[in-house]
Amino acid sequence: MPNYKNIVKQIAKTRIIFLFERAHNIFPENRDLANRYVYLARKYAARAKLKIPTKWKQRVCHKCKIFLYPGINCRTRLQSRKGKGSHVSLTCFECNKTSTRYFIKLKKPSNNNNN
């Protein structure tokens, strides 16, 4: 007997990814449709109790829930601070909220001296 919850989650995950990709592709032509795709993807995730992939979650404003397209409706800034670490911040032009800050993990130099 197949586990229907796993099947539903798998279908929902593919639809979420598809809708975010469509939103990214159609945004320059039709912003309203792109925002509708994001709304539907978020509904699928909520109904199936799934997390939205990090790649796409960073592209949604946390306040007004619209699709963020860098350079068109959001500003991307790289901020580096010595003690606190570097991070990228996205500022939404619709609600003027700096909604997404994610830290950059730096690779530490490896000391492989074979002497």
C-alpha atoms as a PDB file:
ATOM      1  CA  MET A   1       0.000   0.000   0.000  1.00  0.00           C
ATOM      2  CA  PRO A   2       1.598   3.331  -1.051  1.00  0.00           C
ATOM      3  CA  ASN A   3       2.070   6.105   1.432  1.00  0.00           C
ATOM      4  CA  TYR A   4      -0.169   8.869   0.085  1.00  0.00           C
ATOM      5  CA  LYS A   5       1.327  11.615   2.243  1.00  0.00           C
ATOM      6  CA  ASN A   6       4.752  11.101   0.660  1.00  0.00           C
ATOM      7  CA  ILE A   7       3.227  11.160  -2.818  1.00  0.00           C
ATOM      8  CA  VAL A   8       1.363  14.386  -2.052  1.00  0.00           C
ATOM      9  CA  LYS A   9       4.534  15.983  -0.653  1.00  0.00           C
ATOM     10  CA  GLN A  10       6.548  14.954  -3.700  1.00  0.00           C
ATOM     11  CA  ILE A  11       3.946  16.393  -6.098  1.00  0.00           C
ATOM     12  CA  ALA A  12       3.686  19.604  -4.052  1.00  0.00           C
ATOM     13  CA  LYS A  13       7.476  20.020  -4.037  1.00  0.00           C
ATOM     14  CA  THR A  14       7.712  19.720  -7.825  1.00  0.00           C
ATOM     15  CA  ARG A  15       4.848  22.201  -8.252  1.00  0.00           C
ATOM     16  CA  ILE A  16       6.463  24.682  -5.847  1.00  0.00           C
ATOM     17  CA  ILE A  17       9.750  24.590  -7.733  1.00  0.00           C
ATOM     18  CA  PHE A  18       7.948  24.855 -11.080  1.00  0.00           C
ATOM     19  CA  LEU A  19       5.904  27.858  -9.927  1.00  0.00           C
ATOM     20  CA  PHE A  20       8.957  29.704  -8.607  1.00  0.00           C
ATOM     21  CA  GLU A  21      10.838  29.082 -11.857  1.00  0.00           C
ATOM     22  CA  ARG A  22       7.862  30.362 -13.861  1.00  0.00           C
ATOM     23  CA  ALA A  23       7.650  33.426 -11.596  1.00  0.00           C
ATOM     24  CA  HIS A  24      11.332  34.142 -12.211  1.00  0.00           C
ATOM     25  CA  ASN A  25      10.965  33.801 -15.987  1.00  0.00           C
ATOM     26  CA  ILE A  26       7.761  35.816 -16.367  1.00  0.00           C
ATOM     27  CA  PHE A  27       8.471  38.608 -13.864  1.00  0.00           C
ATOM     28  CA  PRO A  28       9.931  41.157 -16.359  1.00  0.00           C
ATOM     29  CA  GLU A  29       6.807  40.847 -18.547  1.00  0.00           C
ATOM     30  CA  ASN A  30       4.018  40.429 -16.000  1.00  0.00           C
ATOM     31  CA  ARG A  31       4.663  41.179 -12.326  1.00  0.00           C
ATOM     32  CA  ASP A  32       1.137  40.396 -11.183  1.00  0.00           C
ATOM     33  CA  LEU A  33       1.266  36.899 -12.642  1.00  0.00           C
ATOM     34  CA  ALA A  34       4.673  36.271 -11.043  1.00  0.00           C
ATOM     35  CA  ASN A  35       3.314  37.345  -7.662  1.00  0.00           C
ATOM     36  CA  ARG A  36       0.315  35.046  -8.182  1.00  0.00           C
ATOM     37  CA  TYR A  37       2.661  32.121  -8.868  1.00  0.00           C
ATOM     38  CA  VAL A  38       4.510  32.858  -5.620  1.00  0.00           C
ATOM     39  CA  TYR A  39       1.203  33.034  -3.742  1.00  0.00           C
ATOM     40  CA  LEU A  40       0.170  29.636  -5.121  1.00  0.00           C
ATOM     41  CA  ALA A  41       3.558  28.096  -4.340  1.00  0.00           C
ATOM     42  CA  ARG A  42       3.331  29.305  -0.748  1.00  0.00           C
ATOM     43  CA  LYS A  43      -0.186  27.832  -0.475  1.00  0.00           C
ATOM     44  CA  TYR A  44       1.058  24.460  -1.771  1.00  0.00           C
ATOM     45  CA  ALA A  45       3.868  24.493   0.789  1.00  0.00           C
ATOM     46  CA  ALA A  46       1.518  25.337   3.632  1.00  0.00           C
ATOM     47  CA  ARG A  47      -1.032  22.718   2.671  1.00  0.00           C
ATOM     48  CA  ALA A  48       1.556  19.946   2.259  1.00  0.00           C
ATOM     49  CA  LYS A  49       3.541  21.140   5.319  1.00  0.00           C
ATOM     50  CA  LEU A  50       6.708  21.596   3.260  1.00  0.00           C
ATOM     51  CA  LYS A  51       9.515  24.093   3.517  1.00  0.00           C
ATOM     52  CA  ILE A  52      10.141  26.277   0.501  1.00  0.00           C
ATOM     53  CA  PRO A  53      13.672  25.684  -0.827  1.00  0.00           C
ATOM     54  CA  THR A  54      16.163  28.256   0.481  1.00  0.00           C
ATOM     55  CA  LYS A  55      17.054  29.408  -3.024  1.00  0.00           C
ATOM     56  CA  TRP A  56      13.471  30.554  -3.598  1.00  0.00           C
ATOM     57  CA  LYS A  57      12.576  31.552  -0.044  1.00  0.00           C
ATOM     58  CA  GLN A  58      15.206  34.285  -0.227  1.00  0.00           C
ATOM     59  CA  ARG A  59      13.411  35.707  -3.278  1.00  0.00           C
ATOM     60  CA  VAL A  60      10.151  36.453  -1.425  1.00  0.00           C
ATOM     61  CA  CYS A  61       9.669  39.581   0.681  1.00  0.00           C
ATOM     62  CA  HIS A  62       8.973  38.599   4.268  1.00  0.00           C
ATOM     63  CA  LYS A  63       6.579  41.502   4.806  1.00  0.00           C
ATOM     64  CA  CYS A  64       4.506  41.973   1.636  1.00  0.00           C
ATOM     65  CA  LYS A  65       5.089  38.441   0.229  1.00  0.00           C
ATOM     66  CA  ILE A  66       5.883  39.517  -3.337  1.00  0.00           C
ATOM     67  CA  PHE A  67       8.518  38.028  -5.616  1.00  0.00           C
ATOM     68  CA  LEU A  68      11.832  39.881  -5.396  1.00  0.00           C
ATOM     69  CA  TYR A  69      13.702  40.383  -8.648  1.00  0.00           C
ATOM     70  CA  PRO A  70      17.090  42.012  -7.967  1.00  0.00           C
ATOM     71  CA  GLY A  71      17.565  45.302  -9.767  1.00  0.00           C
ATOM     72  CA  ILE A  72      13.890  45.733 -10.621  1.00  0.00           C
ATOM     73  CA  ASN A  73      11.920  45.689  -7.385  1.00  0.00           C
ATOM     74  CA  CYS A  74      14.623  45.104  -4.794  1.00  0.00           C
ATOM     75  CA  ARG A  75      18.089  46.343  -3.940  1.00  0.00           C
ATOM     76  CA  THR A  76      20.892  43.902  -3.194  1.00  0.00           C
ATOM     77  CA  ARG A  77      23.723  44.978  -0.948  1.00  0.00           C
ATOM     78  CA  LEU A  78      26.767  43.127   0.302  1.00  0.00           C
ATOM     79  CA  GLN A  79      27.816  44.273   3.745  1.00  0.00           C
ATOM     80  CA  SER A  80      30.994  43.150   5.397  1.00  0.00           C
ATOM     81  CA  ARG A  81      31.800  43.705   9.032  1.00  0.00           C
ATOM     82  CA  LYS A  82      34.910  42.429  10.710  1.00  0.00           C
ATOM     83  CA  GLY A  83      33.500  41.206  13.989  1.00  0.00           C
ATOM     84  CA  LYS A  84      30.008  40.263  12.840  1.00  0.00           C
ATOM     85  CA  GLY A  85      30.726  38.714   9.452  1.00  0.00           C
ATOM     86  CA  SER A  86      29.553  39.471   5.941  1.00  0.00           C
ATOM     87  CA  HIS A  87      25.948  39.252   4.807  1.00  0.00           C
ATOM     88  CA  VAL A  88      23.745  40.023   1.840  1.00  0.00           C
ATOM     89  CA  SER A  89      20.685  42.184   2.390  1.00  0.00           C
ATOM     90  CA  LEU A  90      17.727  42.573   0.041  1.00  0.00           C
ATOM     91  CA  THR A  91      15.524  45.642   0.380  1.00  0.00           C
ATOM     92  CA  CYS A  92      12.050  45.500  -1.140  1.00  0.00           C
ATOM     93  CA  PHE A  93      10.998  48.640  -3.025  1.00  0.00           C
ATOM     94  CA  GLU A  94       7.281  47.949  -2.469  1.00  0.00           C
ATOM     95  CA  CYS A  95       7.262  48.021   1.324  1.00  0.00           C
ATOM     96  CA  ASN A  96      10.796  49.437   1.872  1.00  0.00           C
ATOM     97  CA  LYS A  97      11.648  46.570   4.208  1.00  0.00           C
ATOM     98  CA  THR A  98      15.077  44.996   4.409  1.00  0.00           C
ATOM     99  CA  SER A  99      13.510  41.605   4.505  1.00  0.00           C
ATOM    100  CA  THR A 100      16.244  39.186   3.649  1.00  0.00           C
ATOM    101  CA  ARG A 101      19.608  39.055   5.311  1.00  0.00           C
ATOM    102  CA  TYR A 102      21.642  35.953   4.875  1.00  0.00           C
ATOM    103  CA  PHE A 103      25.174  35.436   6.026  1.00  0.00           C
ATOM    104  CA  ILE A 104      28.038  34.412   3.819  1.00  0.00           C
ATOM    105  CA  LYS A 105      30.109  31.542   5.132  1.00  0.00           C
ATOM    106  CA  LEU A 106      33.727  32.086   4.289  1.00  0.00           C
ATOM    107  CA  LYS A 107      36.023  29.179   3.653  1.00  0.00           C
ATOM    108  CA  LYS A 108      38.957  29.242   6.005  1.00  0.00           C
ATOM    109  CA  PRO A 109      42.328  28.866   4.296  1.00  0.00           C
ATOM    110  CA  SER A 110      43.765  25.429   4.752  1.00  0.00           C
ATOM    111  CA  ASN A 111      47.330  25.199   5.992  1.00  0.00           C
ATOM    112  CA  ASN A 112      48.560  22.182   4.084  1.00  0.00           C
ATOM    113  CA  ASN A 113      52.308  22.663   4.292  1.00  0.00           C
ATOM    114  CA  ASN A 114      54.014  19.471   3.250  1.00  0.00           C
ATOM    115  CA  ASN A 115      57.469  20.594   4.406  1.00  0.00           C
END
